[in-house]
């Protein structure tokens, strides 16, 4: 993981995600997550662990999607834990991540809710 730029601020994770996704780098995307991170994706499912996240992004990125940066909402920080979020460009809800400061001062995602699915009425 050391060959990748580290997120030295919680907000850096979103920028690095967009850069690595657009480069088709599933391993680079997975490197933004703690080893036992949990991602609520695909919608309605949960992906657990960095390796499973890498495998998922290999499938997603094989289709060549393009991601655009989204302006972040204010980050909430409490000690070594932070909540980052962005409103999607399509206006459908929000994206939210819980991130944790690592011993070297960098930040990694612990919990990732990239899409909110409306509850069935």
PDB file of N, CA and C in Angstrom:
ATOM      1  N   UNK A   1       0.810  -1.185   0.000  1.00  0.00           N
ATOM      2  CA  UNK A   1       0.000   0.000   0.000  1.00  0.00           C
ATOM      3  C   UNK A   1       0.861   1.260   0.000  1.00  0.00           C
ATOM      4  N   UNK A   2       2.118   1.171   0.308  1.00  0.00           N
ATOM      5  CA  UNK A   2       2.956   2.355   0.463  1.00  0.00           C
ATOM      6  C   UNK A   2       3.204   3.104  -0.842  1.00  0.00           C
ATOM      7  N   UNK A   3       2.963   2.474  -2.012  1.00  0.00           N
ATOM      8  CA  UNK A   3       3.209   3.174  -3.270  1.00  0.00           C
ATOM      9  C   UNK A   3       2.136   4.212  -3.575  1.00  0.00           C
ATOM     10  N   UNK A   4       1.038   4.195  -2.857  1.00  0.00           N
ATOM     11  CA  UNK A   4      -0.064   5.121  -3.086  1.00  0.00           C
ATOM     12  C   UNK A   4       0.050   6.371  -2.220  1.00  0.00           C
ATOM     13  N   UNK A   5      -0.404   7.496  -2.775  1.00  0.00           N
ATOM     14  CA  UNK A   5      -0.517   8.726  -1.989  1.00  0.00           C
ATOM     15  C   UNK A   5      -1.478   8.470  -0.839  1.00  0.00           C
ATOM     16  N   UNK A   6      -1.133   8.961   0.323  1.00  0.00           N
ATOM     17  CA  UNK A   6      -1.982   8.796   1.497  1.00  0.00           C
ATOM     18  C   UNK A   6      -2.868  10.024   1.685  1.00  0.00           C
ATOM     19  N   UNK A   7      -4.033   9.787   2.236  1.00  0.00           N
ATOM     20  CA  UNK A   7      -4.959  10.871   2.559  1.00  0.00           C
ATOM     21  C   UNK A   7      -4.524  11.468   3.894  1.00  0.00           C
ATOM     22  N   UNK A   8      -3.979  12.670   3.862  1.00  0.00           N
ATOM     23  CA  UNK A   8      -3.521  13.295   5.102  1.00  0.00           C
ATOM     24  C   UNK A   8      -4.611  14.153   5.745  1.00  0.00           C
ATOM     25  N   UNK A   9      -5.725  14.318   5.048  1.00  0.00           N
ATOM     26  CA  UNK A   9      -6.928  14.961   5.596  1.00  0.00           C
ATOM     27  C   UNK A   9      -8.106  14.064   5.231  1.00  0.00           C
ATOM     28  N   UNK A  10      -9.137  13.993   6.050  1.00  0.00           N
ATOM     29  CA  UNK A  10     -10.286  13.155   5.696  1.00  0.00           C
ATOM     30  C   UNK A  10     -10.844  13.475   4.311  1.00  0.00           C
ATOM     31  N   UNK A  11     -10.856  14.744   3.943  1.00  0.00           N
ATOM     32  CA  UNK A  11     -11.411  15.167   2.657  1.00  0.00           C
ATOM     33  C   UNK A  11     -10.602  14.656   1.460  1.00  0.00           C
ATOM     34  N   UNK A  12      -9.334  14.307   1.677  1.00  0.00           N
ATOM     35  CA  UNK A  12      -8.499  13.795   0.591  1.00  0.00           C
ATOM     36  C   UNK A  12      -9.003  12.459   0.053  1.00  0.00           C
ATOM     37  N   UNK A  13      -9.713  11.701   0.879  1.00  0.00           N
ATOM     38  CA  UNK A  13     -10.156  10.371   0.466  1.00  0.00           C
ATOM     39  C   UNK A  13     -11.081  10.429  -0.748  1.00  0.00           C
ATOM     40  N   UNK A  14     -11.964  11.402  -0.796  1.00  0.00           N
ATOM     41  CA  UNK A  14     -12.880  11.502  -1.936  1.00  0.00           C
ATOM     42  C   UNK A  14     -12.118  11.827  -3.206  1.00  0.00           C
ATOM     43  N   UNK A  15     -11.189  12.765  -3.140  1.00  0.00           N
ATOM     44  CA  UNK A  15     -10.378  13.108  -4.318  1.00  0.00           C
ATOM     45  C   UNK A  15      -9.593  11.900  -4.798  1.00  0.00           C
ATOM     46  N   UNK A  16      -8.957  11.186  -3.873  1.00  0.00           N
ATOM     47  CA  UNK A  16      -8.165  10.017  -4.249  1.00  0.00           C
ATOM     48  C   UNK A  16      -9.055   8.915  -4.830  1.00  0.00           C
ATOM     49  N   UNK A  17     -10.265   8.763  -4.275  1.00  0.00           N
ATOM     50  CA  UNK A  17     -11.202   7.782  -4.821  1.00  0.00           C
ATOM     51  C   UNK A  17     -11.517   8.095  -6.281  1.00  0.00           C
ATOM     52  N   UNK A  18     -11.834   9.351  -6.582  1.00  0.00           N
ATOM     53  CA  UNK A  18     -12.168   9.744  -7.952  1.00  0.00           C
ATOM     54  C   UNK A  18     -10.968   9.513  -8.872  1.00  0.00           C
ATOM     55  N   UNK A  19      -9.788   9.945  -8.454  1.00  0.00           N
ATOM     56  CA  UNK A  19      -8.586   9.778  -9.286  1.00  0.00           C
ATOM     57  C   UNK A  19      -8.310   8.307  -9.580  1.00  0.00           C
ATOM     58  N   UNK A  20      -8.352   7.475  -8.567  1.00  0.00           N
ATOM     59  CA  UNK A  20      -8.026   6.059  -8.741  1.00  0.00           C
ATOM     60  C   UNK A  20      -9.107   5.311  -9.520  1.00  0.00           C
ATOM     61  N   UNK A  21     -10.364   5.649  -9.268  1.00  0.00           N
ATOM     62  CA  UNK A  21     -11.454   5.021 -10.018  1.00  0.00           C
ATOM     63  C   UNK A  21     -11.344   5.358 -11.494  1.00  0.00           C
ATOM     64  N   UNK A  22     -11.114   6.622 -11.798  1.00  0.00           N
ATOM     65  CA  UNK A  22     -11.015   7.042 -13.196  1.00  0.00           C
ATOM     66  C   UNK A  22      -9.786   6.454 -13.888  1.00  0.00           C
ATOM     67  N   UNK A  23      -8.782   6.061 -13.107  1.00  0.00           N
ATOM     68  CA  UNK A  23      -7.599   5.395 -13.659  1.00  0.00           C
ATOM     69  C   UNK A  23      -7.814   3.881 -13.783  1.00  0.00           C
ATOM     70  N   UNK A  24      -8.971   3.389 -13.320  1.00  0.00           N
ATOM     71  CA  UNK A  24      -9.254   1.954 -13.375  1.00  0.00           C
ATOM     72  C   UNK A  24      -8.475   1.145 -12.365  1.00  0.00           C
ATOM     73  N   UNK A  25      -8.047   1.773 -11.265  1.00  0.00           N
ATOM     74  CA  UNK A  25      -7.162   1.155 -10.274  1.00  0.00           C
ATOM     75  C   UNK A  25      -7.958   0.647  -9.063  1.00  0.00           C
ATOM     76  N   UNK A  26      -8.496  -0.572  -9.180  1.00  0.00           N
ATOM     77  CA  UNK A  26      -9.291  -1.148  -8.094  1.00  0.00           C
ATOM     78  C   UNK A  26      -8.461  -1.357  -6.830  1.00  0.00           C
ATOM     79  N   UNK A  27      -7.203  -1.765  -6.977  1.00  0.00           N
ATOM     80  CA  UNK A  27      -6.345  -1.949  -5.800  1.00  0.00           C
ATOM     81  C   UNK A  27      -6.098  -0.605  -5.116  1.00  0.00           C
ATOM     82  N   UNK A  28      -5.946   0.451  -5.916  1.00  0.00           N
ATOM     83  CA  UNK A  28      -5.766   1.789  -5.350  1.00  0.00           C
ATOM     84  C   UNK A  28      -6.996   2.274  -4.616  1.00  0.00           C
ATOM     85  N   UNK A  29      -8.175   1.969  -5.147  1.00  0.00           N
ATOM     86  CA  UNK A  29      -9.414   2.316  -4.443  1.00  0.00           C
ATOM     87  C   UNK A  29      -9.477   1.552  -3.131  1.00  0.00           C
ATOM     88  N   UNK A  30      -9.204   0.251  -3.170  1.00  0.00           N
ATOM     89  CA  UNK A  30      -9.263  -0.567  -1.953  1.00  0.00           C
ATOM     90  C   UNK A  30      -8.266  -0.096  -0.904  1.00  0.00           C
ATOM     91  N   UNK A  31      -7.143   0.472  -1.336  1.00  0.00           N
ATOM     92  CA  UNK A  31      -6.136   0.969  -0.397  1.00  0.00           C
ATOM     93  C   UNK A  31      -6.633   2.163   0.418  1.00  0.00           C
ATOM     94  N   UNK A  32      -7.774   2.726   0.045  1.00  0.00           N
ATOM     95  CA  UNK A  32      -8.360   3.847   0.793  1.00  0.00           C
ATOM     96  C   UNK A  32      -9.186   3.364   1.987  1.00  0.00           C
ATOM     97  N   UNK A  33      -9.275   2.047   2.155  1.00  0.00           N
ATOM     98  CA  UNK A  33     -10.107   1.449   3.199  1.00  0.00           C
ATOM     99  C   UNK A  33      -9.250   0.688   4.202  1.00  0.00           C
ATOM    100  N   UNK A  34      -9.687   0.680   5.464  1.00  0.00           N
ATOM    101  CA  UNK A  34      -9.045  -0.170   6.463  1.00  0.00           C
ATOM    102  C   UNK A  34      -9.258  -1.623   6.072  1.00  0.00           C
ATOM    103  N   UNK A  35      -8.425  -2.484   6.609  1.00  0.00           N
ATOM    104  CA  UNK A  35      -8.452  -3.909   6.268  1.00  0.00           C
ATOM    105  C   UNK A  35      -9.835  -4.536   6.483  1.00  0.00           C
ATOM    106  N   UNK A  36     -10.549  -4.130   7.525  1.00  0.00           N
ATOM    107  CA  UNK A  36     -11.858  -4.730   7.833  1.00  0.00           C
ATOM    108  C   UNK A  36     -13.013  -3.751   7.598  1.00  0.00           C
ATOM    109  N   UNK A  37     -12.840  -2.814   6.687  1.00  0.00           N
ATOM    110  CA  UNK A  37     -13.867  -1.810   6.394  1.00  0.00           C
ATOM    111  C   UNK A  37     -15.148  -2.466   5.883  1.00  0.00           C
ATOM    112  N   UNK A  38     -16.239  -1.716   6.035  1.00  0.00           N
ATOM    113  CA  UNK A  38     -17.551  -2.174   5.588  1.00  0.00           C
ATOM    114  C   UNK A  38     -18.121  -1.140   4.635  1.00  0.00           C
ATOM    115  N   UNK A  39     -18.554  -1.615   3.460  1.00  0.00           N
ATOM    116  CA  UNK A  39     -19.140  -0.733   2.449  1.00  0.00           C
ATOM    117  C   UNK A  39     -20.559  -1.212   2.146  1.00  0.00           C
ATOM    118  N   UNK A  40     -21.504  -0.292   2.170  1.00  0.00           N
ATOM    119  CA  UNK A  40     -22.895  -0.608   1.835  1.00  0.00           C
ATOM    120  C   UNK A  40     -23.063  -0.489   0.327  1.00  0.00           C
ATOM    121  N   UNK A  41     -22.497  -1.463  -0.400  1.00  0.00           N
ATOM    122  CA  UNK A  41     -22.572  -1.454  -1.857  1.00  0.00           C
ATOM    123  C   UNK A  41     -22.251  -2.844  -2.354  1.00  0.00           C
ATOM    124  N   UNK A  42     -22.925  -3.329  -3.389  1.00  0.00           N
ATOM    125  CA  UNK A  42     -23.967  -2.707  -4.187  1.00  0.00           C
ATOM    126  C   UNK A  42     -25.201  -2.372  -3.348  1.00  0.00           C
ATOM    127  N   UNK A  43     -26.061  -1.466  -3.875  1.00  0.00           N
ATOM    128  CA  UNK A  43     -27.244  -1.052  -3.113  1.00  0.00           C
ATOM    129  C   UNK A  43     -28.027  -2.251  -2.562  1.00  0.00           C
ATOM    130  N   UNK A  44     -28.300  -2.177  -1.276  1.00  0.00           N
ATOM    131  CA  UNK A  44     -29.031  -3.243  -0.607  1.00  0.00           C
ATOM    132  C   UNK A  44     -28.145  -4.376  -0.118  1.00  0.00           C
ATOM    133  N   UNK A  45     -26.839  -4.311  -0.379  1.00  0.00           N
ATOM    134  CA  UNK A  45     -25.898  -5.339   0.060  1.00  0.00           C
ATOM    135  C   UNK A  45     -24.768  -4.703   0.856  1.00  0.00           C
ATOM    136  N   UNK A  46     -23.934  -5.546   1.463  1.00  0.00           N
ATOM    137  CA  UNK A  46     -22.786  -5.085   2.231  1.00  0.00           C
ATOM    138  C   UNK A  46     -21.546  -5.828   1.745  1.00  0.00           C
ATOM    139  N   UNK A  47     -20.462  -5.098   1.542  1.00  0.00           N
ATOM    140  CA  UNK A  47     -19.174  -5.683   1.165  1.00  0.00           C
ATOM    141  C   UNK A  47     -18.224  -5.444   2.332  1.00  0.00           C
ATOM    142  N   UNK A  48     -17.609  -6.501   2.834  1.00  0.00           N
ATOM    143  CA  UNK A  48     -16.781  -6.409   4.041  1.00  0.00           C
ATOM    144  C   UNK A  48     -15.341  -6.801   3.728  1.00  0.00           C
ATOM    145  N   UNK A  49     -14.420  -5.919   4.118  1.00  0.00           N
ATOM    146  CA  UNK A  49     -12.993  -6.203   4.007  1.00  0.00           C
ATOM    147  C   UNK A  49     -12.370  -5.608   2.759  1.00  0.00           C
ATOM    148  N   UNK A  50     -11.114  -5.190   2.898  1.00  0.00           N
ATOM    149  CA  UNK A  50     -10.392  -4.541   1.803  1.00  0.00           C
ATOM    150  C   UNK A  50     -10.321  -5.431   0.558  1.00  0.00           C
ATOM    151  N   UNK A  51     -10.073  -6.714   0.720  1.00  0.00           N
ATOM    152  CA  UNK A  51      -9.957  -7.602  -0.433  1.00  0.00           C
ATOM    153  C   UNK A  51     -11.294  -7.719  -1.164  1.00  0.00           C
ATOM    154  N   UNK A  52     -12.387  -7.830  -0.427  1.00  0.00           N
ATOM    155  CA  UNK A  52     -13.709  -7.905  -1.061  1.00  0.00           C
ATOM    156  C   UNK A  52     -14.045  -6.581  -1.750  1.00  0.00           C
ATOM    157  N   UNK A  53     -13.637  -5.477  -1.160  1.00  0.00           N
ATOM    158  CA  UNK A  53     -13.854  -4.158  -1.772  1.00  0.00           C
ATOM    159  C   UNK A  53     -13.054  -4.056  -3.064  1.00  0.00           C
ATOM    160  N   UNK A  54     -11.812  -4.546  -3.059  1.00  0.00           N
ATOM    161  CA  UNK A  54     -11.008  -4.541  -4.286  1.00  0.00           C
ATOM    162  C   UNK A  54     -11.682  -5.358  -5.376  1.00  0.00           C
ATOM    163  N   UNK A  55     -12.142  -6.568  -5.034  1.00  0.00           N
ATOM    164  CA  UNK A  55     -12.798  -7.436  -6.024  1.00  0.00           C
ATOM    165  C   UNK A  55     -14.057  -6.772  -6.582  1.00  0.00           C
ATOM    166  N   UNK A  56     -14.829  -6.138  -5.724  1.00  0.00           N
ATOM    167  CA  UNK A  56     -16.030  -5.438  -6.171  1.00  0.00           C
ATOM    168  C   UNK A  56     -15.674  -4.327  -7.146  1.00  0.00           C
ATOM    169  N   UNK A  57     -14.651  -3.510  -6.805  1.00  0.00           N
ATOM    170  CA  UNK A  57     -14.284  -2.396  -7.680  1.00  0.00           C
ATOM    171  C   UNK A  57     -13.640  -2.865  -8.975  1.00  0.00           C
ATOM    172  N   UNK A  58     -13.014  -4.028  -8.976  1.00  0.00           N
ATOM    173  CA  UNK A  58     -12.519  -4.566 -10.248  1.00  0.00           C
ATOM    174  C   UNK A  58     -13.679  -4.772 -11.214  1.00  0.00           C
ATOM    175  N   UNK A  59     -14.785  -5.315 -10.698  1.00  0.00           N
ATOM    176  CA  UNK A  59     -15.974  -5.539 -11.537  1.00  0.00           C
ATOM    177  C   UNK A  59     -16.578  -4.214 -11.984  1.00  0.00           C
ATOM    178  N   UNK A  60     -16.736  -3.285 -11.054  1.00  0.00           N
ATOM    179  CA  UNK A  60     -17.344  -1.994 -11.371  1.00  0.00           C
ATOM    180  C   UNK A  60     -16.492  -1.242 -12.394  1.00  0.00           C
ATOM    181  N   UNK A  61     -15.183  -1.185 -12.158  1.00  0.00           N
ATOM    182  CA  UNK A  61     -14.298  -0.395 -13.018  1.00  0.00           C
ATOM    183  C   UNK A  61     -14.059  -1.044 -14.375  1.00  0.00           C
ATOM    184  N   UNK A  62     -14.367  -2.326 -14.508  1.00  0.00           N
ATOM    185  CA  UNK A  62     -14.221  -3.000 -15.805  1.00  0.00           C
ATOM    186  C   UNK A  62     -15.133  -2.376 -16.856  1.00  0.00           C
ATOM    187  N   UNK A  63     -16.201  -1.720 -16.416  1.00  0.00           N
ATOM    188  CA  UNK A  63     -17.136  -1.072 -17.333  1.00  0.00           C
ATOM    189  C   UNK A  63     -16.707   0.345 -17.701  1.00  0.00           C
ATOM    190  N   UNK A  64     -15.574   0.809 -17.161  1.00  0.00           N
ATOM    191  CA  UNK A  64     -15.037   2.121 -17.503  1.00  0.00           C
ATOM    192  C   UNK A  64     -15.877   3.310 -17.079  1.00  0.00           C
ATOM    193  N   UNK A  65     -16.508   3.278 -15.885  1.00  0.00           N
ATOM    194  CA  UNK A  65     -17.288   4.448 -15.471  1.00  0.00           C
ATOM    195  C   UNK A  65     -16.380   5.652 -15.233  1.00  0.00           C
ATOM    196  N   UNK A  66     -16.921   6.842 -15.396  1.00  0.00           N
ATOM    197  CA  UNK A  66     -16.189   8.086 -15.105  1.00  0.00           C
ATOM    198  C   UNK A  66     -16.840   8.731 -13.895  1.00  0.00           C
ATOM    199  N   UNK A  67     -16.012   9.143 -12.949  1.00  0.00           N
ATOM    200  CA  UNK A  67     -16.490   9.800 -11.742  1.00  0.00           C
ATOM    201  C   UNK A  67     -16.077  11.258 -11.783  1.00  0.00           C
ATOM    202  N   UNK A  68     -16.959  12.125 -11.355  1.00  0.00           N
ATOM    203  CA  UNK A  68     -16.672  13.552 -11.258  1.00  0.00           C
ATOM    204  C   UNK A  68     -16.576  13.913  -9.780  1.00  0.00           C
ATOM    205  N   UNK A  69     -15.647  14.790  -9.426  1.00  0.00           N
ATOM    206  CA  UNK A  69     -15.564  15.221  -8.024  1.00  0.00           C
ATOM    207  C   UNK A  69     -16.864  15.902  -7.604  1.00  0.00           C
ATOM    208  N   UNK A  70     -17.273  15.643  -6.382  1.00  0.00           N
ATOM    209  CA  UNK A  70     -18.459  16.284  -5.817  1.00  0.00           C
ATOM    210  C   UNK A  70     -18.002  17.152  -4.649  1.00  0.00           C
ATOM    211  N   UNK A  71     -18.523  18.361  -4.538  1.00  0.00           N
ATOM    212  CA  UNK A  71     -18.085  19.233  -3.441  1.00  0.00           C
ATOM    213  C   UNK A  71     -18.484  18.639  -2.093  1.00  0.00           C
ATOM    214  N   UNK A  72     -17.538  18.559  -1.157  1.00  0.00           N
ATOM    215  CA  UNK A  72     -17.840  17.937   0.130  1.00  0.00           C
ATOM    216  C   UNK A  72     -18.695  18.843   1.019  1.00  0.00           C
ATOM    217  N   UNK A  73     -19.477  18.193   1.853  1.00  0.00           N
ATOM    218  CA  UNK A  73     -20.149  18.885   2.950  1.00  0.00           C
ATOM    219  C   UNK A  73     -19.109  19.035   4.058  1.00  0.00           C
ATOM    220  N   UNK A  74     -19.352  19.898   5.050  1.00  0.00           N
ATOM    221  CA  UNK A  74     -18.358  20.056   6.117  1.00  0.00           C
ATOM    222  C   UNK A  74     -18.057  18.720   6.820  1.00  0.00           C
ATOM    223  N   UNK A  75     -16.782  18.465   7.035  1.00  0.00           N
ATOM    224  CA  UNK A  75     -16.334  17.246   7.710  1.00  0.00           C
ATOM    225  C   UNK A  75     -16.495  17.426   9.215  1.00  0.00           C
ATOM    226  N   UNK A  76     -17.000  16.400   9.876  1.00  0.00           N
ATOM    227  CA  UNK A  76     -17.109  16.398  11.333  1.00  0.00           C
ATOM    228  C   UNK A  76     -15.980  15.532  11.878  1.00  0.00           C
ATOM    229  N   UNK A  77     -15.168  16.090  12.780  1.00  0.00           N
ATOM    230  CA  UNK A  77     -14.025  15.359  13.330  1.00  0.00           C
ATOM    231  C   UNK A  77     -14.143  15.298  14.840  1.00  0.00           C
ATOM    232  N   UNK A  78     -13.940  14.108  15.394  1.00  0.00           N
ATOM    233  CA  UNK A  78     -13.885  13.911  16.835  1.00  0.00           C
ATOM    234  C   UNK A  78     -12.681  13.021  17.109  1.00  0.00           C
ATOM    235  N   UNK A  79     -11.575  13.652  17.522  1.00  0.00           N
ATOM    236  CA  UNK A  79     -10.349  12.896  17.775  1.00  0.00           C
ATOM    237  C   UNK A  79      -9.843  12.234  16.515  1.00  0.00           C
ATOM    238  N   UNK A  80      -9.772  10.901  16.530  1.00  0.00           N
ATOM    239  CA  UNK A  80      -9.239  10.140  15.401  1.00  0.00           C
ATOM    240  C   UNK A  80     -10.324   9.589  14.480  1.00  0.00           C
ATOM    241  N   UNK A  81     -11.556  10.059  14.641  1.00  0.00           N
ATOM    242  CA  UNK A  81     -12.671   9.606  13.816  1.00  0.00           C
ATOM    243  C   UNK A  81     -13.304  10.819  13.164  1.00  0.00           C
ATOM    244  N   UNK A  82     -13.725  10.656  11.904  1.00  0.00           N
ATOM    245  CA  UNK A  82     -14.372  11.757  11.199  1.00  0.00           C
ATOM    246  C   UNK A  82     -15.505  11.216  10.332  1.00  0.00           C
ATOM    247  N   UNK A  83     -16.450  12.094  10.034  1.00  0.00           N
ATOM    248  CA  UNK A  83     -17.548  11.794   9.123  1.00  0.00           C
ATOM    249  C   UNK A  83     -17.411  12.714   7.924  1.00  0.00           C
ATOM    250  N   UNK A  84     -17.249  12.117   6.746  1.00  0.00           N
ATOM    251  CA  UNK A  84     -17.183  12.890   5.518  1.00  0.00           C
ATOM    252  C   UNK A  84     -18.437  12.595   4.711  1.00  0.00           C
ATOM    253  N   UNK A  85     -18.870  13.564   3.913  1.00  0.00           N
ATOM    254  CA  UNK A  85     -20.063  13.352   3.102  1.00  0.00           C
ATOM    255  C   UNK A  85     -20.066  14.297   1.913  1.00  0.00           C
ATOM    256  N   UNK A  86     -20.762  13.875   0.882  1.00  0.00           N
ATOM    257  CA  UNK A  86     -20.938  14.701  -0.310  1.00  0.00           C
ATOM    258  C   UNK A  86     -22.362  14.512  -0.806  1.00  0.00           C
ATOM    259  N   UNK A  87     -22.954  15.573  -1.329  1.00  0.00           N
ATOM    260  CA  UNK A  87     -24.254  15.403  -1.992  1.00  0.00           C
ATOM    261  C   UNK A  87     -24.002  15.011  -3.454  1.00  0.00           C
ATOM    262  N   UNK A  88     -24.593  13.914  -3.925  1.00  0.00           N
ATOM    263  CA  UNK A  88     -24.395  13.523  -5.318  1.00  0.00           C
ATOM    264  C   UNK A  88     -24.886  14.603  -6.277  1.00  0.00           C
ATOM    265  N   UNK A  89     -24.245  14.695  -7.420  1.00  0.00           N
ATOM    266  CA  UNK A  89     -24.628  15.686  -8.427  1.00  0.00           C
ATOM    267  C   UNK A  89     -26.074  15.520  -8.878  1.00  0.00           C
ATOM    268  N   UNK A  90     -26.595  14.284  -8.830  1.00  0.00           N
ATOM    269  CA  UNK A  90     -27.970  14.069  -9.282  1.00  0.00           C
ATOM    270  C   UNK A  90     -28.997  14.458  -8.230  1.00  0.00           C
ATOM    271  N   UNK A  91     -28.527  14.928  -7.054  1.00  0.00           N
ATOM    272  CA  UNK A  91     -29.430  15.393  -6.001  1.00  0.00           C
ATOM    273  C   UNK A  91     -30.127  14.282  -5.246  1.00  0.00           C
ATOM    274  N   UNK A  92     -29.752  13.042  -5.486  1.00  0.00           N
ATOM    275  CA  UNK A  92     -30.406  11.902  -4.837  1.00  0.00           C
ATOM    276  C   UNK A  92     -29.722  11.560  -3.524  1.00  0.00           C
ATOM    277  N   UNK A  93     -30.135  12.205  -2.439  1.00  0.00           N
ATOM    278  CA  UNK A  93     -29.613  11.870  -1.125  1.00  0.00           C
ATOM    279  C   UNK A  93     -28.231  12.396  -0.856  1.00  0.00           C
ATOM    280  N   UNK A  94     -27.370  11.527  -0.319  1.00  0.00           N
ATOM    281  CA  UNK A  94     -26.012  11.916   0.043  1.00  0.00           C
ATOM    282  C   UNK A  94     -25.134  10.680   0.086  1.00  0.00           C
ATOM    283  N   UNK A  95     -23.840  10.913   0.149  1.00  0.00           N
ATOM    284  CA  UNK A  95     -22.873   9.841   0.360  1.00  0.00           C
ATOM    285  C   UNK A  95     -22.187  10.149   1.692  1.00  0.00           C
ATOM    286  N   UNK A  96     -21.902   9.127   2.480  1.00  0.00           N
ATOM    287  CA  UNK A  96     -21.279   9.374   3.781  1.00  0.00           C
ATOM    288  C   UNK A  96     -20.260   8.285   4.091  1.00  0.00           C
ATOM    289  N   UNK A  97     -19.163   8.709   4.724  1.00  0.00           N
ATOM    290  CA  UNK A  97     -18.121   7.779   5.135  1.00  0.00           C
ATOM    291  C   UNK A  97     -17.642   8.130   6.536  1.00  0.00           C
ATOM    292  N   UNK A  98     -17.415   7.092   7.327  1.00  0.00           N
ATOM    293  CA  UNK A  98     -16.730   7.245   8.605  1.00  0.00           C
ATOM    294  C   UNK A  98     -15.280   6.870   8.338  1.00  0.00           C
ATOM    295  N   UNK A  99     -14.369   7.752   8.714  1.00  0.00           N
ATOM    296  CA  UNK A  99     -12.949   7.531   8.454  1.00  0.00           C
ATOM    297  C   UNK A  99     -12.183   7.607   9.775  1.00  0.00           C
ATOM    298  N   UNK A 100     -11.008   6.940   9.790  1.00  0.00           N
ATOM    299  CA  UNK A 100     -10.227   6.907  11.025  1.00  0.00           C
ATOM    300  C   UNK A 100      -8.784   7.284  10.726  1.00  0.00           C
ATOM    301  N   UNK A 101      -8.224   8.097  11.635  1.00  0.00           N
ATOM    302  CA  UNK A 101      -6.816   8.465  11.529  1.00  0.00           C
ATOM    303  C   UNK A 101      -5.963   7.249  11.867  1.00  0.00           C
ATOM    304  N   UNK A 102      -4.962   7.014  11.032  1.00  0.00           N
ATOM    305  CA  UNK A 102      -4.049   5.885  11.197  1.00  0.00           C
ATOM    306  C   UNK A 102      -2.843   6.327  12.030  1.00  0.00           C
ATOM    307  N   UNK A 103      -2.055   5.388  12.552  1.00  0.00           N
ATOM    308  CA  UNK A 103      -0.896   5.744  13.378  1.00  0.00           C
ATOM    309  C   UNK A 103       0.084   6.708  12.696  1.00  0.00           C
ATOM    310  N   UNK A 104       0.160   6.676  11.345  1.00  0.00           N
ATOM    311  CA  UNK A 104       1.082   7.575  10.641  1.00  0.00           C
ATOM    312  C   UNK A 104       0.467   8.943  10.345  1.00  0.00           C
ATOM    313  N   UNK A 105      -0.780   9.172  10.832  1.00  0.00           N
ATOM    314  CA  UNK A 105      -1.455  10.456  10.624  1.00  0.00           C
ATOM    315  C   UNK A 105      -2.347  10.499   9.396  1.00  0.00           C
ATOM    316  N   UNK A 106      -2.279   9.474   8.546  1.00  0.00           N
ATOM    317  CA  UNK A 106      -3.149   9.437   7.373  1.00  0.00           C
ATOM    318  C   UNK A 106      -4.547   8.953   7.787  1.00  0.00           C
ATOM    319  N   UNK A 107      -5.482   9.022   6.841  1.00  0.00           N
ATOM    320  CA  UNK A 107      -6.871   8.635   7.102  1.00  0.00           C
ATOM    321  C   UNK A 107      -7.288   7.537   6.142  1.00  0.00           C
ATOM    322  N   UNK A 108      -8.104   6.585   6.644  1.00  0.00           N
ATOM    323  CA  UNK A 108      -8.688   5.530   5.821  1.00  0.00           C
ATOM    324  C   UNK A 108     -10.172   5.401   6.145  1.00  0.00           C
ATOM    325  N   UNK A 109     -10.926   4.940   5.163  1.00  0.00           N
ATOM    326  CA  UNK A 109     -12.360   4.713   5.365  1.00  0.00           C
ATOM    327  C   UNK A 109     -12.577   3.449   6.189  1.00  0.00           C
ATOM    328  N   UNK A 110     -13.550   3.542   7.115  1.00  0.00           N
ATOM    329  CA  UNK A 110     -13.936   2.410   7.957  1.00  0.00           C
ATOM    330  C   UNK A 110     -15.330   1.934   7.548  1.00  0.00           C
ATOM    331  N   UNK A 111     -16.239   2.890   7.376  1.00  0.00           N
ATOM    332  CA  UNK A 111     -17.614   2.625   6.955  1.00  0.00           C
ATOM    333  C   UNK A 111     -17.908   3.514   5.760  1.00  0.00           C
ATOM    334  N   UNK A 112     -18.518   2.957   4.729  1.00  0.00           N
ATOM    335  CA  UNK A 112     -18.798   3.718   3.520  1.00  0.00           C
ATOM    336  C   UNK A 112     -20.221   3.449   3.067  1.00  0.00           C
ATOM    337  N   UNK A 113     -21.003   4.509   3.003  1.00  0.00           N
ATOM    338  CA  UNK A 113     -22.375   4.460   2.485  1.00  0.00           C
ATOM    339  C   UNK A 113     -22.390   5.301   1.220  1.00  0.00           C
ATOM    340  N   UNK A 114     -21.970   4.714   0.064  1.00  0.00           N
ATOM    341  CA  UNK A 114     -21.842   5.514  -1.149  1.00  0.00           C
ATOM    342  C   UNK A 114     -23.168   5.888  -1.790  1.00  0.00           C
ATOM    343  N   UNK A 115     -24.222   5.148  -1.498  1.00  0.00           N
ATOM    344  CA  UNK A 115     -25.541   5.466  -2.036  1.00  0.00           C
ATOM    345  C   UNK A 115     -26.568   5.155  -0.973  1.00  0.00           C
ATOM    346  N   UNK A 116     -27.483   6.092  -0.792  1.00  0.00           N
ATOM    347  CA  UNK A 116     -28.587   5.828   0.113  1.00  0.00           C
ATOM    348  C   UNK A 116     -29.767   5.362  -0.704  1.00  0.00           C
ATOM    349  N   UNK A 117     -30.336   4.237  -0.319  1.00  0.00           N
ATOM    350  CA  UNK A 117     -31.504   3.705  -0.998  1.00  0.00           C
ATOM    351  C   UNK A 117     -32.723   4.091  -0.186  1.00  0.00           C
ATOM    352  N   UNK A 118     -33.701   4.710  -0.863  1.00  0.00           N
ATOM    353  CA  UNK A 118     -34.923   5.095  -0.151  1.00  0.00           C
ATOM    354  C   UNK A 118     -35.635   3.833   0.363  1.00  0.00           C
ATOM    355  N   UNK A 119     -36.119   3.900   1.620  1.00  0.00           N
ATOM    356  CA  UNK A 119     -36.853   2.755   2.147  1.00  0.00           C
ATOM    357  C   UNK A 119     -38.152   2.551   1.363  1.00  0.00           C
ATOM    358  N   UNK A 120     -38.553   1.302   1.223  1.00  0.00           N
ATOM    359  CA  UNK A 120     -39.818   1.023   0.541  1.00  0.00           C
ATOM    360  C   UNK A 120     -40.971   1.571   1.374  1.00  0.00           C
ATOM    361  N   UNK A 121     -41.922   2.198   0.718  1.00  0.00           N
ATOM    362  CA  UNK A 121     -43.060   2.786   1.447  1.00  0.00           C
ATOM    363  C   UNK A 121     -44.117   1.762   1.736  1.00  0.00           C
TER     364      UNK A 121
END
